Amino acid sequence: MITVTPTIALNDSEVEESFIRAPGPGGQHVNKTESAVQLRFNARKSENLTNAVFLRLKVLAGRRMTQFGVIVITANRFRSQERNRADAVERLVELIRRAAVPPKNRRPTKPTR
């Protein structure tokens, strides 16, 4: 169970991880190991997200969300698979946390004299 906010928690089965080879320099070791993590989360079919949160998440995710509502996050900052996995989950949680906060309603006011 991944806790996002006190009211939103994601099941581990909703988050799918696959491991890919990390791009960039790294010598002979980089060609043999799959240290980068590609995390997929189907936000459209998630039961824990309300429609309002999903719509805000769609705007915040931008190109990271596919047309089917799947968020794809690729993490390859670190050399180890575990740290990249934790980084990807942390980025997903932060994205959903930002989408869970409703925007403030603007009260129209009159300008001062």
PDB file of N, CA and C in Angstrom:
ATOM      1  N   MET A   1       0.846  -1.177   0.000  1.00  0.00           N
ATOM      2  CA  MET A   1       0.000   0.000   0.000  1.00  0.00           C
ATOM      3  C   MET A   1       0.893   1.244   0.000  1.00  0.00           C
ATOM      4  N   ILE A   2       0.664   2.118  -0.959  1.00  0.00           N
ATOM      5  CA  ILE A   2       1.417   3.362  -1.062  1.00  0.00           C
ATOM      6  C   ILE A   2       0.501   4.485  -0.591  1.00  0.00           C
ATOM      7  N   THR A   3       0.861   5.134   0.510  1.00  0.00           N
ATOM      8  CA  THR A   3       0.052   6.205   1.070  1.00  0.00           C
ATOM      9  C   THR A   3       0.440   7.524   0.413  1.00  0.00           C
ATOM     10  N   VAL A   4      -0.547   8.190  -0.182  1.00  0.00           N
ATOM     11  CA  VAL A   4      -0.306   9.465  -0.841  1.00  0.00           C
ATOM     12  C   VAL A   4      -0.734  10.601   0.077  1.00  0.00           C
ATOM     13  N   THR A   5      -1.995  10.576   0.480  1.00  0.00           N
ATOM     14  CA  THR A   5      -2.547  11.535   1.438  1.00  0.00           C
ATOM     15  C   THR A   5      -3.332  10.715   2.456  1.00  0.00           C
ATOM     16  N   PRO A   6      -3.833  11.338   3.507  1.00  0.00           N
ATOM     17  CA  PRO A   6      -4.640  10.565   4.456  1.00  0.00           C
ATOM     18  C   PRO A   6      -5.887   9.926   3.836  1.00  0.00           C
ATOM     19  N   THR A   7      -6.380  10.489   2.725  1.00  0.00           N
ATOM     20  CA  THR A   7      -7.574   9.933   2.094  1.00  0.00           C
ATOM     21  C   THR A   7      -7.277   9.109   0.847  1.00  0.00           C
ATOM     22  N   ILE A   8      -6.072   9.219   0.295  1.00  0.00           N
ATOM     23  CA  ILE A   8      -5.718   8.502  -0.936  1.00  0.00           C
ATOM     24  C   ILE A   8      -4.570   7.541  -0.655  1.00  0.00           C
ATOM     25  N   ALA A   9      -4.793   6.278  -0.972  1.00  0.00           N
ATOM     26  CA  ALA A   9      -3.747   5.258  -0.876  1.00  0.00           C
ATOM     27  C   ALA A   9      -3.854   4.368  -2.106  1.00  0.00           C
ATOM     28  N   LEU A  10      -2.715   4.063  -2.704  1.00  0.00           N
ATOM     29  CA  LEU A  10      -2.690   3.249  -3.914  1.00  0.00           C
ATOM     30  C   LEU A  10      -2.311   1.817  -3.575  1.00  0.00           C
ATOM     31  N   ASN A  11      -2.991   0.870  -4.200  1.00  0.00           N
ATOM     32  CA  ASN A  11      -2.618  -0.531  -4.033  1.00  0.00           C
ATOM     33  C   ASN A  11      -1.338  -0.804  -4.818  1.00  0.00           C
ATOM     34  N   ASP A  12      -0.541  -1.732  -4.329  1.00  0.00           N
ATOM     35  CA  ASP A  12       0.683  -2.093  -5.041  1.00  0.00           C
ATOM     36  C   ASP A  12       0.368  -2.718  -6.394  1.00  0.00           C
ATOM     37  N   SER A  13      -0.801  -3.330  -6.524  1.00  0.00           N
ATOM     38  CA  SER A  13      -1.166  -3.960  -7.791  1.00  0.00           C
ATOM     39  C   SER A  13      -1.514  -2.927  -8.865  1.00  0.00           C
ATOM     40  N   GLU A  14      -1.806  -1.682  -8.462  1.00  0.00           N
ATOM     41  CA  GLU A  14      -2.132  -0.640  -9.439  1.00  0.00           C
ATOM     42  C   GLU A  14      -0.886  -0.071 -10.106  1.00  0.00           C
ATOM     43  N   VAL A  15       0.258  -0.236  -9.469  1.00  0.00           N
ATOM     44  CA  VAL A  15       1.508   0.308  -9.979  1.00  0.00           C
ATOM     45  C   VAL A  15       2.306  -0.829 -10.618  1.00  0.00           C
ATOM     46  N   GLU A  16       2.639  -0.663 -11.883  1.00  0.00           N
ATOM     47  CA  GLU A  16       3.379  -1.678 -12.624  1.00  0.00           C
ATOM     48  C   GLU A  16       4.788  -1.157 -12.904  1.00  0.00           C
ATOM     49  N   GLU A  17       5.797  -1.953 -12.576  1.00  0.00           N
ATOM     50  CA  GLU A  17       7.188  -1.557 -12.781  1.00  0.00           C
ATOM     51  C   GLU A  17       7.835  -2.471 -13.799  1.00  0.00           C
ATOM     52  N   SER A  18       8.613  -1.874 -14.685  1.00  0.00           N
ATOM     53  CA  SER A  18       9.432  -2.665 -15.591  1.00  0.00           C
ATOM     54  C   SER A  18      10.817  -2.032 -15.603  1.00  0.00           C
ATOM     55  N   PHE A  19      11.809  -2.835 -15.859  1.00  0.00           N
ATOM     56  CA  PHE A  19      13.189  -2.370 -15.796  1.00  0.00           C
ATOM     57  C   PHE A  19      13.771  -2.335 -17.196  1.00  0.00           C
ATOM     58  N   ILE A  20      14.432  -1.218 -17.499  1.00  0.00           N
ATOM     59  CA  ILE A  20      15.018  -1.020 -18.820  1.00  0.00           C
ATOM     60  C   ILE A  20      16.466  -0.603 -18.655  1.00  0.00           C
ATOM     61  N   ARG A  21      17.202  -0.654 -19.731  1.00  0.00           N
ATOM     62  CA  ARG A  21      18.600  -0.230 -19.679  1.00  0.00           C
ATOM     63  C   ARG A  21      18.661   1.288 -19.644  1.00  0.00           C
ATOM     64  N   ALA A  22      19.505   1.798 -18.776  1.00  0.00           N
ATOM     65  CA  ALA A  22      19.632   3.238 -18.626  1.00  0.00           C
ATOM     66  C   ALA A  22      20.487   3.805 -19.750  1.00  0.00           C
ATOM     67  N   PRO A  23      20.085   4.950 -20.302  1.00  0.00           N
ATOM     68  CA  PRO A  23      20.895   5.561 -21.347  1.00  0.00           C
ATOM     69  C   PRO A  23      22.085   6.300 -20.755  1.00  0.00           C
ATOM     70  N   GLY A  24      23.000   6.675 -21.610  1.00  0.00           N
ATOM     71  CA  GLY A  24      24.121   7.497 -21.183  1.00  0.00           C
ATOM     72  C   GLY A  24      25.373   6.687 -20.910  1.00  0.00           C
ATOM     73  N   PRO A  25      26.430   7.377 -20.488  1.00  0.00           N
ATOM     74  CA  PRO A  25      27.710   6.710 -20.268  1.00  0.00           C
ATOM     75  C   PRO A  25      27.677   5.827 -19.031  1.00  0.00           C
ATOM     76  N   GLY A  26      28.583   4.890 -18.987  1.00  0.00           N
ATOM     77  CA  GLY A  26      28.648   4.010 -17.834  1.00  0.00           C
ATOM     78  C   GLY A  26      29.630   2.884 -18.029  1.00  0.00           C
ATOM     79  N   GLY A  27      30.284   2.853 -19.173  1.00  0.00           N
ATOM     80  CA  GLY A  27      31.295   1.819 -19.406  1.00  0.00           C
ATOM     81  C   GLY A  27      30.687   0.482 -19.762  1.00  0.00           C
ATOM     82  N   GLN A  28      31.401  -0.565 -19.465  1.00  0.00           N
ATOM     83  CA  GLN A  28      30.977  -1.904 -19.844  1.00  0.00           C
ATOM     84  C   GLN A  28      29.783  -2.383 -19.019  1.00  0.00           C
ATOM     85  N   HIS A  29      29.637  -1.872 -17.820  1.00  0.00           N
ATOM     86  CA  HIS A  29      28.579  -2.327 -16.923  1.00  0.00           C
ATOM     87  C   HIS A  29      27.190  -1.942 -17.428  1.00  0.00           C
ATOM     88  N   VAL A  30      27.084  -0.807 -18.123  1.00  0.00           N
ATOM     89  CA  VAL A  30      25.778  -0.290 -18.527  1.00  0.00           C
ATOM     90  C   VAL A  30      25.110  -1.189 -19.570  1.00  0.00           C
ATOM     91  N   ASN A  31      25.898  -1.920 -20.337  1.00  0.00           N
ATOM     92  CA  ASN A  31      25.331  -2.766 -21.384  1.00  0.00           C
ATOM     93  C   ASN A  31      24.771  -4.078 -20.840  1.00  0.00           C
ATOM     94  N   LYS A  32      25.038  -4.380 -19.582  1.00  0.00           N
ATOM     95  CA  LYS A  32      24.621  -5.662 -19.018  1.00  0.00           C
ATOM     96  C   LYS A  32      23.498  -5.548 -18.007  1.00  0.00           C
ATOM     97  N   THR A  33      23.304  -4.385 -17.425  1.00  0.00           N
ATOM     98  CA  THR A  33      22.324  -4.264 -16.344  1.00  0.00           C
ATOM     99  C   THR A  33      21.145  -3.387 -16.769  1.00  0.00           C
ATOM    100  N   GLU A  34      20.014  -3.681 -16.199  1.00  0.00           N
ATOM    101  CA  GLU A  34      18.809  -2.880 -16.431  1.00  0.00           C
ATOM    102  C   GLU A  34      18.495  -2.138 -15.145  1.00  0.00           C
ATOM    103  N   SER A  35      19.094  -0.966 -14.996  1.00  0.00           N
ATOM    104  CA  SER A  35      18.962  -0.240 -13.741  1.00  0.00           C
ATOM    105  C   SER A  35      17.874   0.830 -13.776  1.00  0.00           C
ATOM    106  N   ALA A  36      17.439   1.243 -14.945  1.00  0.00           N
ATOM    107  CA  ALA A  36      16.380   2.257 -15.029  1.00  0.00           C
ATOM    108  C   ALA A  36      15.018   1.611 -14.796  1.00  0.00           C
ATOM    109  N   VAL A  37      14.113   2.376 -14.226  1.00  0.00           N
ATOM    110  CA  VAL A  37      12.777   1.876 -13.900  1.00  0.00           C
ATOM    111  C   VAL A  37      11.745   2.662 -14.693  1.00  0.00           C
ATOM    112  N   GLN A  38      10.816   1.939 -15.306  1.00  0.00           N
ATOM    113  CA  GLN A  38       9.682   2.576 -15.970  1.00  0.00           C
ATOM    114  C   GLN A  38       8.427   2.185 -15.197  1.00  0.00           C
ATOM    115  N   LEU A  39       7.820   3.168 -14.557  1.00  0.00           N
ATOM    116  CA  LEU A  39       6.665   2.939 -13.703  1.00  0.00           C
ATOM    117  C   LEU A  39       5.403   3.333 -14.457  1.00  0.00           C
ATOM    118  N   ARG A  40       4.388   2.479 -14.413  1.00  0.00           N
ATOM    119  CA  ARG A  40       3.109   2.761 -15.080  1.00  0.00           C
ATOM    120  C   ARG A  40       1.994   2.703 -14.047  1.00  0.00           C
ATOM    121  N   PHE A  41       1.134   3.726 -14.073  1.00  0.00           N
ATOM    122  CA  PHE A  41       0.002   3.798 -13.161  1.00  0.00           C
ATOM    123  C   PHE A  41      -1.225   4.204 -13.963  1.00  0.00           C
ATOM    124  N   ASN A  42      -2.245   3.356 -13.983  1.00  0.00           N
ATOM    125  CA  ASN A  42      -3.465   3.645 -14.721  1.00  0.00           C
ATOM    126  C   ASN A  42      -4.368   4.503 -13.834  1.00  0.00           C
ATOM    127  N   ALA A  43      -4.287   5.808 -14.022  1.00  0.00           N
ATOM    128  CA  ALA A  43      -5.045   6.746 -13.189  1.00  0.00           C
ATOM    129  C   ALA A  43      -6.532   6.719 -13.526  1.00  0.00           C
ATOM    130  N   ARG A  44      -6.867   6.431 -14.779  1.00  0.00           N
ATOM    131  CA  ARG A  44      -8.276   6.431 -15.177  1.00  0.00           C
ATOM    132  C   ARG A  44      -9.053   5.306 -14.502  1.00  0.00           C
ATOM    133  N   LYS A  45      -8.427   4.143 -14.336  1.00  0.00           N
ATOM    134  CA  LYS A  45      -9.119   2.999 -13.746  1.00  0.00           C
ATOM    135  C   LYS A  45      -8.899   2.860 -12.246  1.00  0.00           C
ATOM    136  N   SER A  46      -8.153   3.775 -11.658  1.00  0.00           N
ATOM    137  CA  SER A  46      -7.891   3.703 -10.228  1.00  0.00           C
ATOM    138  C   SER A  46      -9.157   4.047  -9.440  1.00  0.00           C
ATOM    139  N   GLU A  47      -9.492   3.192  -8.490  1.00  0.00           N
ATOM    140  CA  GLU A  47     -10.685   3.408  -7.675  1.00  0.00           C
ATOM    141  C   GLU A  47     -10.453   4.433  -6.575  1.00  0.00           C
ATOM    142  N   ASN A  48      -9.202   4.719  -6.274  1.00  0.00           N
ATOM    143  CA  ASN A  48      -8.885   5.616  -5.160  1.00  0.00           C
ATOM    144  C   ASN A  48      -8.845   7.083  -5.551  1.00  0.00           C
ATOM    145  N   LEU A  49      -8.883   7.379  -6.842  1.00  0.00           N
ATOM    146  CA  LEU A  49      -8.850   8.771  -7.291  1.00  0.00           C
ATOM    147  C   LEU A  49     -10.247   9.214  -7.703  1.00  0.00           C
ATOM    148  N   THR A  50     -10.654  10.372  -7.224  1.00  0.00           N
ATOM    149  CA  THR A  50     -11.936  10.929  -7.647  1.00  0.00           C
ATOM    150  C   THR A  50     -11.782  11.517  -9.046  1.00  0.00           C
ATOM    151  N   ASN A  51     -12.900  11.835  -9.673  1.00  0.00           N
ATOM    152  CA  ASN A  51     -12.849  12.402 -11.017  1.00  0.00           C
ATOM    153  C   ASN A  51     -12.159  13.760 -11.014  1.00  0.00           C
ATOM    154  N   ALA A  52     -12.387  14.567  -9.989  1.00  0.00           N
ATOM    155  CA  ALA A  52     -11.768  15.888  -9.907  1.00  0.00           C
ATOM    156  C   ALA A  52     -10.256  15.765  -9.784  1.00  0.00           C
ATOM    157  N   VAL A  53      -9.795  14.821  -8.961  1.00  0.00           N
ATOM    158  CA  VAL A  53      -8.356  14.611  -8.803  1.00  0.00           C
ATOM    159  C   VAL A  53      -7.759  14.117 -10.124  1.00  0.00           C
ATOM    160  N   PHE A  54      -8.483  13.227 -10.812  1.00  0.00           N
ATOM    161  CA  PHE A  54      -7.996  12.717 -12.091  1.00  0.00           C
ATOM    162  C   PHE A  54      -7.842  13.837 -13.114  1.00  0.00           C
ATOM    163  N   LEU A  55      -8.810  14.742 -13.171  1.00  0.00           N
ATOM    164  CA  LEU A  55      -8.740  15.835 -14.142  1.00  0.00           C
ATOM    165  C   LEU A  55      -7.578  16.778 -13.837  1.00  0.00           C
ATOM    166  N   ARG A  56      -7.343  17.069 -12.560  1.00  0.00           N
ATOM    167  CA  ARG A  56      -6.197  17.908 -12.204  1.00  0.00           C
ATOM    168  C   ARG A  56      -4.889  17.173 -12.473  1.00  0.00           C
ATOM    169  N   LEU A  57      -4.889  15.858 -12.240  1.00  0.00           N
ATOM    170  CA  LEU A  57      -3.703  15.046 -12.492  1.00  0.00           C
ATOM    171  C   LEU A  57      -3.383  15.008 -13.982  1.00  0.00           C
ATOM    172  N   LYS A  58      -4.405  14.984 -14.800  1.00  0.00           N
ATOM    173  CA  LYS A  58      -4.211  14.970 -16.246  1.00  0.00           C
ATOM    174  C   LYS A  58      -3.495  16.234 -16.714  1.00  0.00           C
ATOM    175  N   VAL A  59      -3.858  17.362 -16.134  1.00  0.00           N
ATOM    176  CA  VAL A  59      -3.218  18.634 -16.485  1.00  0.00           C
ATOM    177  C   VAL A  59      -1.782  18.660 -15.971  1.00  0.00           C
ATOM    178  N   LEU A  60      -1.577  18.224 -14.736  1.00  0.00           N
ATOM    179  CA  LEU A  60      -0.238  18.259 -14.149  1.00  0.00           C
ATOM    180  C   LEU A  60       0.721  17.277 -14.816  1.00  0.00           C
ATOM    181  N   ALA A  61       0.222  16.112 -15.206  1.00  0.00           N
ATOM    182  CA  ALA A  61       1.092  15.091 -15.793  1.00  0.00           C
ATOM    183  C   ALA A  61       1.554  15.486 -17.189  1.00  0.00           C
ATOM    184  N   GLY A  62       0.699  16.128 -17.943  1.00  0.00           N
ATOM    185  CA  GLY A  62       1.088  16.576 -19.277  1.00  0.00           C
ATOM    186  C   GLY A  62       1.431  15.403 -20.189  1.00  0.00           C
ATOM    187  N   ARG A  63       2.640  15.417 -20.741  1.00  0.00           N
ATOM    188  CA  ARG A  63       3.073  14.382 -21.674  1.00  0.00           C
ATOM    189  C   ARG A  63       3.339  13.049 -21.004  1.00  0.00           C
ATOM    190  N   ARG A  64       3.432  13.038 -19.696  1.00  0.00           N
ATOM    191  CA  ARG A  64       3.675  11.767 -18.989  1.00  0.00           C
ATOM    192  C   ARG A  64       2.436  10.889 -18.950  1.00  0.00           C
ATOM    193  N   MET A  65       1.259  11.448 -19.270  1.00  0.00           N
ATOM    194  CA  MET A  65       0.032  10.659 -19.287  1.00  0.00           C
ATOM    195  C   MET A  65      -0.346  10.342 -20.728  1.00  0.00           C
ATOM    196  N   THR A  66      -0.655   9.066 -20.977  1.00  0.00           N
ATOM    197  CA  THR A  66      -1.065   8.661 -22.320  1.00  0.00           C
ATOM    198  C   THR A  66      -2.528   9.030 -22.541  1.00  0.00           C
ATOM    199  N   GLN A  67      -2.997   8.838 -23.758  1.00  0.00           N
ATOM    200  CA  GLN A  67      -4.394   9.171 -24.057  1.00  0.00           C
ATOM    201  C   GLN A  67      -5.372   8.230 -23.360  1.00  0.00           C
ATOM    202  N   PHE A  68      -4.871   7.094 -22.861  1.00  0.00           N
ATOM    203  CA  PHE A  68      -5.719   6.143 -22.147  1.00  0.00           C
ATOM    204  C   PHE A  68      -5.720   6.371 -20.634  1.00  0.00           C
ATOM    205  N   GLY A  69      -5.022   7.406 -20.163  1.00  0.00           N
ATOM    206  CA  GLY A  69      -5.014   7.729 -18.746  1.00  0.00           C
ATOM    207  C   GLY A  69      -3.956   7.000 -17.947  1.00  0.00           C
ATOM    208  N   VAL A  70      -2.918   6.491 -18.602  1.00  0.00           N
ATOM    209  CA  VAL A  70      -1.833   5.787 -17.915  1.00  0.00           C
ATOM    210  C   VAL A  70      -0.665   6.750 -17.750  1.00  0.00           C
ATOM    211  N   ILE A  71      -0.209   6.920 -16.513  1.00  0.00           N
ATOM    212  CA  ILE A  71       0.944   7.770 -16.244  1.00  0.00           C
ATOM    213  C   ILE A  71       2.194   6.910 -16.349  1.00  0.00           C
ATOM    214  N   VAL A  72       3.167   7.374 -17.136  1.00  0.00           N
ATOM    215  CA  VAL A  72       4.423   6.659 -17.328  1.00  0.00           C
ATOM    216  C   VAL A  72       5.544   7.540 -16.793  1.00  0.00           C
ATOM    217  N   ILE A  73       6.268   7.027 -15.803  1.00  0.00           N
ATOM    218  CA  ILE A  73       7.395   7.748 -15.220  1.00  0.00           C
ATOM    219  C   ILE A  73       8.641   6.890 -15.392  1.00  0.00           C
ATOM    220  N   THR A  74       9.673   7.468 -15.993  1.00  0.00           N
ATOM    221  CA  THR A  74      10.938   6.768 -16.178  1.00  0.00           C
ATOM    222  C   THR A  74      11.966   7.391 -15.255  1.00  0.00           C
ATOM    223  N   ALA A  75      12.589   6.567 -14.425  1.00  0.00           N
ATOM    224  CA  ALA A  75      13.600   7.047 -13.479  1.00  0.00           C
ATOM    225  C   ALA A  75      14.923   6.381 -13.796  1.00  0.00           C
ATOM    226  N   ASN A  76      15.936   7.196 -14.091  1.00  0.00           N
ATOM    227  CA  ASN A  76      17.270   6.657 -14.344  1.00  0.00           C
ATOM    228  C   ASN A  76      18.356   7.569 -13.785  1.00  0.00           C
ATOM    229  N   ARG A  77      18.011   8.292 -12.719  1.00  0.00           N
ATOM    230  CA  ARG A  77      18.952   9.214 -12.093  1.00  0.00           C
ATOM    231  C   ARG A  77      20.116   8.503 -11.412  1.00  0.00           C
ATOM    232  N   PHE A  78      19.814   7.369 -10.805  1.00  0.00           N
ATOM    233  CA  PHE A  78      20.797   6.690  -9.978  1.00  0.00           C
ATOM    234  C   PHE A  78      21.330   5.445 -10.676  1.00  0.00           C
ATOM    235  N   ARG A  79      22.396   4.890 -10.125  1.00  0.00           N
ATOM    236  CA  ARG A  79      22.995   3.702 -10.716  1.00  0.00           C
ATOM    237  C   ARG A  79      22.317   2.415 -10.272  1.00  0.00           C
ATOM    238  N   SER A  80      21.674   2.445  -9.112  1.00  0.00           N
ATOM    239  CA  SER A  80      21.078   1.209  -8.607  1.00  0.00           C
ATOM    240  C   SER A  80      19.591   1.154  -8.934  1.00  0.00           C
ATOM    241  N   GLN A  81      19.135  -0.052  -9.134  1.00  0.00           N
ATOM    242  CA  GLN A  81      17.738  -0.290  -9.472  1.00  0.00           C
ATOM    243  C   GLN A  81      16.806   0.108  -8.327  1.00  0.00           C
ATOM    244  N   GLU A  82      17.201  -0.195  -7.104  1.00  0.00           N
ATOM    245  CA  GLU A  82      16.366   0.109  -5.933  1.00  0.00           C
ATOM    246  C   GLU A  82      16.166   1.611  -5.751  1.00  0.00           C
ATOM    247  N   ARG A  83      17.240   2.386  -5.916  1.00  0.00           N
ATOM    248  CA  ARG A  83      17.110   3.839  -5.750  1.00  0.00           C
ATOM    249  C   ARG A  83      16.267   4.440  -6.875  1.00  0.00           C
ATOM    250  N   ASN A  84      16.386   3.902  -8.081  1.00  0.00           N
ATOM    251  CA  ASN A  84      15.548   4.378  -9.179  1.00  0.00           C
ATOM    252  C   ASN A  84      14.094   4.010  -8.957  1.00  0.00           C
ATOM    253  N   ARG A  85      13.846   2.849  -8.397  1.00  0.00           N
ATOM    254  CA  ARG A  85      12.475   2.429  -8.087  1.00  0.00           C
ATOM    255  C   ARG A  85      11.854   3.364  -7.050  1.00  0.00           C
ATOM    256  N   ALA A  86      12.604   3.654  -5.989  1.00  0.00           N
ATOM    257  CA  ALA A  86      12.106   4.563  -4.949  1.00  0.00           C
ATOM    258  C   ALA A  86      11.884   5.966  -5.508  1.00  0.00           C
ATOM    259  N   ASP A  87      12.766   6.401  -6.402  1.00  0.00           N
ATOM    260  CA  ASP A  87      12.637   7.724  -7.012  1.00  0.00           C
ATOM    261  C   ASP A  87      11.384   7.808  -7.871  1.00  0.00           C
ATOM    262  N   ALA A  88      11.089   6.766  -8.635  1.00  0.00           N
ATOM    263  CA  ALA A  88       9.901   6.767  -9.493  1.00  0.00           C
ATOM    264  C   ALA A  88       8.622   6.792  -8.667  1.00  0.00           C
ATOM    265  N   VAL A  89       8.573   5.997  -7.607  1.00  0.00           N
ATOM    266  CA  VAL A  89       7.386   5.979  -6.738  1.00  0.00           C
ATOM    267  C   VAL A  89       7.218   7.328  -6.045  1.00  0.00           C
ATOM    268  N   GLU A  90       8.322   7.917  -5.614  1.00  0.00           N
ATOM    269  CA  GLU A  90       8.269   9.215  -4.946  1.00  0.00           C
ATOM    270  C   GLU A  90       7.758  10.302  -5.895  1.00  0.00           C
ATOM    271  N   ARG A  91       8.184  10.263  -7.148  1.00  0.00           N
ATOM    272  CA  ARG A  91       7.711  11.240  -8.126  1.00  0.00           C
ATOM    273  C   ARG A  91       6.227  11.059  -8.433  1.00  0.00           C
ATOM    274  N   LEU A  92       5.762   9.816  -8.486  1.00  0.00           N
ATOM    275  CA  LEU A  92       4.333   9.559  -8.699  1.00  0.00           C
ATOM    276  C   LEU A  92       3.505  10.062  -7.526  1.00  0.00           C
ATOM    277  N   VAL A  93       3.962   9.780  -6.324  1.00  0.00           N
ATOM    278  CA  VAL A  93       3.241  10.219  -5.115  1.00  0.00           C
ATOM    279  C   VAL A  93       3.173  11.740  -5.063  1.00  0.00           C
ATOM    280  N   GLU A  94       4.273  12.408  -5.383  1.00  0.00           N
ATOM    281  CA  GLU A  94       4.296  13.871  -5.353  1.00  0.00           C
ATOM    282  C   GLU A  94       3.344  14.452  -6.400  1.00  0.00           C
ATOM    283  N   LEU A  95       3.267  13.826  -7.557  1.00  0.00           N
ATOM    284  CA  LEU A  95       2.362  14.284  -8.615  1.00  0.00           C
ATOM    285  C   LEU A  95       0.910  14.152  -8.175  1.00  0.00           C
ATOM    286  N   ILE A  96       0.555  13.020  -7.587  1.00  0.00           N
ATOM    287  CA  ILE A  96      -0.820  12.805  -7.131  1.00  0.00           C
ATOM    288  C   ILE A  96      -1.135  13.716  -5.944  1.00  0.00           C
ATOM    289  N   ARG A  97      -0.151  13.925  -5.079  1.00  0.00           N
ATOM    290  CA  ARG A  97      -0.346  14.812  -3.922  1.00  0.00           C
ATOM    291  C   ARG A  97      -0.656  16.237  -4.383  1.00  0.00           C
ATOM    292  N   ARG A  98       0.046  16.708  -5.415  1.00  0.00           N
ATOM    293  CA  ARG A  98      -0.214  18.046  -5.936  1.00  0.00           C
ATOM    294  C   ARG A  98      -1.588  18.128  -6.590  1.00  0.00           C
ATOM    295  N   ALA A  99      -2.026  17.024  -7.226  1.00  0.00           N
ATOM    296  CA  ALA A  99      -3.331  17.017  -7.877  1.00  0.00           C
ATOM    297  C   ALA A  99      -4.468  16.901  -6.866  1.00  0.00           C
ATOM    298  N   ALA A 100      -4.189  16.385  -5.686  1.00  0.00           N
ATOM    299  CA  ALA A 100      -5.231  16.192  -4.679  1.00  0.00           C
ATOM    300  C   ALA A 100      -5.639  17.506  -4.011  1.00  0.00           C
ATOM    301  N   VAL A 101      -4.819  18.531  -4.131  1.00  0.00           N
ATOM    302  CA  VAL A 101      -5.135  19.823  -3.511  1.00  0.00           C
ATOM    303  C   VAL A 101      -6.023  20.615  -4.462  1.00  0.00           C
ATOM    304  N   PRO A 102      -7.263  20.889  -4.066  1.00  0.00           N
ATOM    305  CA  PRO A 102      -8.148  21.649  -4.956  1.00  0.00           C
ATOM    306  C   PRO A 102      -7.688  23.104  -5.049  1.00  0.00           C
ATOM    307  N   PRO A 103      -7.862  23.719  -6.213  1.00  0.00           N
ATOM    308  CA  PRO A 103      -7.453  25.125  -6.338  1.00  0.00           C
ATOM    309  C   PRO A 103      -8.367  26.031  -5.532  1.00  0.00           C
ATOM    310  N   LYS A 104      -7.815  27.141  -5.083  1.00  0.00           N
ATOM    311  CA  LYS A 104      -8.612  28.093  -4.325  1.00  0.00           C
ATOM    312  C   LYS A 104      -9.571  28.815  -5.263  1.00  0.00           C
ATOM    313  N   ASN A 105     -10.788  29.026  -4.787  1.00  0.00           N
ATOM    314  CA  ASN A 105     -11.753  29.800  -5.563  1.00  0.00           C
ATOM    315  C   ASN A 105     -11.433  31.271  -5.416  1.00  0.00           C
ATOM    316  N   ARG A 106     -11.375  31.952  -6.536  1.00  0.00           N
ATOM    317  CA  ARG A 106     -11.079  33.373  -6.500  1.00  0.00           C
ATOM    318  C   ARG A 106     -12.376  34.139  -6.249  1.00  0.00           C
ATOM    319  N   ARG A 107     -12.340  34.988  -5.227  1.00  0.00           N
ATOM    320  CA  ARG A 107     -13.483  35.841  -4.961  1.00  0.00           C
ATOM    321  C   ARG A 107     -13.273  37.152  -5.679  1.00  0.00           C
ATOM    322  N   PRO A 108     -14.146  37.507  -6.568  1.00  0.00           N
ATOM    323  CA  PRO A 108     -13.955  38.767  -7.290  1.00  0.00           C
ATOM    324  C   PRO A 108     -14.082  39.959  -6.336  1.00  0.00           C
ATOM    325  N   THR A 109     -13.140  40.862  -6.451  1.00  0.00           N
ATOM    326  CA  THR A 109     -13.150  42.060  -5.614  1.00  0.00           C
ATOM    327  C   THR A 109     -13.109  43.284  -6.514  1.00  0.00           C
ATOM    328  N   LYS A 110     -13.446  44.411  -5.938  1.00  0.00           N
ATOM    329  CA  LYS A 110     -13.399  45.652  -6.693  1.00  0.00           C
ATOM    330  C   LYS A 110     -12.048  46.321  -6.458  1.00  0.00           C
ATOM    331  N   PRO A 111     -11.512  46.973  -7.473  1.00  0.00           N
ATOM    332  CA  PRO A 111     -10.218  47.655  -7.282  1.00  0.00           C
ATOM    333  C   PRO A 111     -10.368  48.841  -6.315  1.00  0.00           C
ATOM    334  N   THR A 112      -9.262  49.160  -5.657  1.00  0.00           N
ATOM    335  CA  THR A 112      -9.283  50.305  -4.743  1.00  0.00           C
ATOM    336  C   THR A 112      -9.330  51.603  -5.540  1.00  0.00           C
ATOM    337  N   ARG A 113      -9.660  52.682  -4.858  1.00  0.00           N
ATOM    338  CA  ARG A 113      -9.763  53.978  -5.554  1.00  0.00           C
ATOM    339  C   ARG A 113      -8.446  54.470  -6.041  1.00  0.00           C
TER     340      ARG A 113
END
